[in-house]
């Protein structure tokens, strides 16, 4: 839980540039699908493997590590945005 709330994770594919800091911090939740990347200049498709993560605090740190703010955390019950 983050701030006492169950967390739902989604990504903004237009913002993700494949920095992959999130993958390093929460590999059970995030991975980058390099097979779908078409060219060097395409954004890397970030895949969320677990929309309701087992360790929300780690996912929160992963979201904070994204330099493009492409990871969006929401309250799983109300859809209120928690981050960014």
C-alpha atoms as a PDB file:
ATOM      1  CA  UNK A   1       0.000   0.000   0.000  1.00  0.00           C
ATOM      2  CA  UNK A   2       1.069   3.542  -0.692  1.00  0.00           C
ATOM      3  CA  UNK A   3      -0.276   6.080   1.770  1.00  0.00           C
ATOM      4  CA  UNK A   4      -2.600   3.331   3.035  1.00  0.00           C
ATOM      5  CA  UNK A   5      -4.152   2.752  -0.382  1.00  0.00           C
ATOM      6  CA  UNK A   6      -4.130  -0.224  -2.710  1.00  0.00           C
ATOM      7  CA  UNK A   7      -2.276   0.759  -5.866  1.00  0.00           C
ATOM      8  CA  UNK A   8      -3.047   0.232  -9.535  1.00  0.00           C
ATOM      9  CA  UNK A   9      -0.257   0.748 -12.073  1.00  0.00           C
ATOM     10  CA  UNK A  10      -0.446   1.921 -15.673  1.00  0.00           C
ATOM     11  CA  UNK A  11       1.954   3.536 -18.086  1.00  0.00           C
ATOM     12  CA  UNK A  12       1.846   6.353 -20.586  1.00  0.00           C
ATOM     13  CA  UNK A  13       3.371   4.781 -23.682  1.00  0.00           C
ATOM     14  CA  UNK A  14       3.865   8.205 -25.268  1.00  0.00           C
ATOM     15  CA  UNK A  15       6.163   9.247 -22.414  1.00  0.00           C
ATOM     16  CA  UNK A  16       8.179   6.048 -21.913  1.00  0.00           C
ATOM     17  CA  UNK A  17      11.598   6.204 -23.527  1.00  0.00           C
ATOM     18  CA  UNK A  18      12.971   2.938 -22.157  1.00  0.00           C
ATOM     19  CA  UNK A  19      15.245   4.236 -19.413  1.00  0.00           C
ATOM     20  CA  UNK A  20      14.351   0.971 -17.609  1.00  0.00           C
ATOM     21  CA  UNK A  21      15.106   2.198 -14.090  1.00  0.00           C
ATOM     22  CA  UNK A  22      11.670   0.848 -13.168  1.00  0.00           C
ATOM     23  CA  UNK A  23      12.664  -2.596 -14.438  1.00  0.00           C
ATOM     24  CA  UNK A  24      15.748  -2.553 -12.215  1.00  0.00           C
ATOM     25  CA  UNK A  25      13.732  -1.591  -9.134  1.00  0.00           C
ATOM     26  CA  UNK A  26      10.600  -3.713  -9.686  1.00  0.00           C
ATOM     27  CA  UNK A  27      11.299  -6.492 -12.207  1.00  0.00           C
ATOM     28  CA  UNK A  28       8.308  -8.484 -10.964  1.00  0.00           C
ATOM     29  CA  UNK A  29       6.056  -5.688 -12.219  1.00  0.00           C
ATOM     30  CA  UNK A  30       7.800  -4.029 -15.199  1.00  0.00           C
ATOM     31  CA  UNK A  31       9.639  -5.224 -18.255  1.00  0.00           C
ATOM     32  CA  UNK A  32      10.455  -3.718 -21.609  1.00  0.00           C
ATOM     33  CA  UNK A  33       9.328  -5.563 -24.701  1.00  0.00           C
ATOM     34  CA  UNK A  34      12.348  -4.994 -26.939  1.00  0.00           C
ATOM     35  CA  UNK A  35      10.796  -7.200 -29.644  1.00  0.00           C
ATOM     36  CA  UNK A  36       8.147  -4.543 -30.335  1.00  0.00           C
ATOM     37  CA  UNK A  37      10.656  -1.731 -30.739  1.00  0.00           C
ATOM     38  CA  UNK A  38      10.788  -0.741 -34.406  1.00  0.00           C
ATOM     39  CA  UNK A  39      13.707   1.635 -34.539  1.00  0.00           C
ATOM     40  CA  UNK A  40      16.307   3.275 -32.355  1.00  0.00           C
ATOM     41  CA  UNK A  41      14.108   6.373 -32.057  1.00  0.00           C
ATOM     42  CA  UNK A  42      10.851   4.612 -31.093  1.00  0.00           C
ATOM     43  CA  UNK A  43       9.792   4.680 -27.476  1.00  0.00           C
ATOM     44  CA  UNK A  44      10.368   1.327 -25.831  1.00  0.00           C
ATOM     45  CA  UNK A  45       7.099  -0.420 -25.021  1.00  0.00           C
ATOM     46  CA  UNK A  46       7.018  -0.762 -21.241  1.00  0.00           C
ATOM     47  CA  UNK A  47       4.891  -3.700 -20.146  1.00  0.00           C
ATOM     48  CA  UNK A  48       3.202  -3.848 -16.779  1.00  0.00           C
ATOM     49  CA  UNK A  49       3.205  -7.511 -15.804  1.00  0.00           C
ATOM     50  CA  UNK A  50       1.273  -6.962 -12.592  1.00  0.00           C
ATOM     51  CA  UNK A  51      -1.211  -4.073 -12.445  1.00  0.00           C
ATOM     52  CA  UNK A  52      -1.787  -4.637  -8.723  1.00  0.00           C
ATOM     53  CA  UNK A  53       1.733  -5.069  -7.456  1.00  0.00           C
ATOM     54  CA  UNK A  54       2.647  -7.240  -4.478  1.00  0.00           C
ATOM     55  CA  UNK A  55       4.992  -4.546  -3.169  1.00  0.00           C
ATOM     56  CA  UNK A  56       3.465  -1.104  -3.809  1.00  0.00           C
ATOM     57  CA  UNK A  57       6.259   0.720  -1.973  1.00  0.00           C
ATOM     58  CA  UNK A  58       8.840  -0.717  -4.383  1.00  0.00           C
ATOM     59  CA  UNK A  59       6.631   0.199  -7.336  1.00  0.00           C
ATOM     60  CA  UNK A  60       6.292   3.728  -5.962  1.00  0.00           C
ATOM     61  CA  UNK A  61      10.086   4.005  -5.875  1.00  0.00           C
ATOM     62  CA  UNK A  62      10.249   2.629  -9.424  1.00  0.00           C
ATOM     63  CA  UNK A  63       7.707   5.227 -10.585  1.00  0.00           C
ATOM     64  CA  UNK A  64       9.710   7.988  -8.916  1.00  0.00           C
ATOM     65  CA  UNK A  65      12.854   6.781 -10.693  1.00  0.00           C
ATOM     66  CA  UNK A  66      11.317   7.279 -14.151  1.00  0.00           C
ATOM     67  CA  UNK A  67      12.861  10.428 -15.646  1.00  0.00           C
ATOM     68  CA  UNK A  68       9.891  10.780 -18.037  1.00  0.00           C
ATOM     69  CA  UNK A  69       7.122  10.309 -15.425  1.00  0.00           C
ATOM     70  CA  UNK A  70       5.647   7.568 -17.626  1.00  0.00           C
ATOM     71  CA  UNK A  71       4.468   5.396 -14.721  1.00  0.00           C
ATOM     72  CA  UNK A  72       1.098   6.343 -13.284  1.00  0.00           C
ATOM     73  CA  UNK A  73      -0.044   5.073  -9.903  1.00  0.00           C
ATOM     74  CA  UNK A  74      -3.709   5.239  -8.986  1.00  0.00           C
ATOM     75  CA  UNK A  75      -5.843   4.250  -6.034  1.00  0.00           C
ATOM     76  CA  UNK A  76      -7.227   0.827  -7.012  1.00  0.00           C
ATOM     77  CA  UNK A  77     -10.640   1.619  -5.540  1.00  0.00           C
ATOM     78  CA  UNK A  78     -11.255   5.243  -6.525  1.00  0.00           C
ATOM     79  CA  UNK A  79      -8.909   5.688  -9.532  1.00  0.00           C
ATOM     80  CA  UNK A  80      -7.532   8.794  -7.794  1.00  0.00           C
ATOM     81  CA  UNK A  81      -4.074   9.561  -9.149  1.00  0.00           C
ATOM     82  CA  UNK A  82      -1.381   9.067  -6.522  1.00  0.00           C
ATOM     83  CA  UNK A  83       1.667   9.680  -8.720  1.00  0.00           C
ATOM     84  CA  UNK A  84       2.806  11.759 -10.587  1.00  0.00           C
END
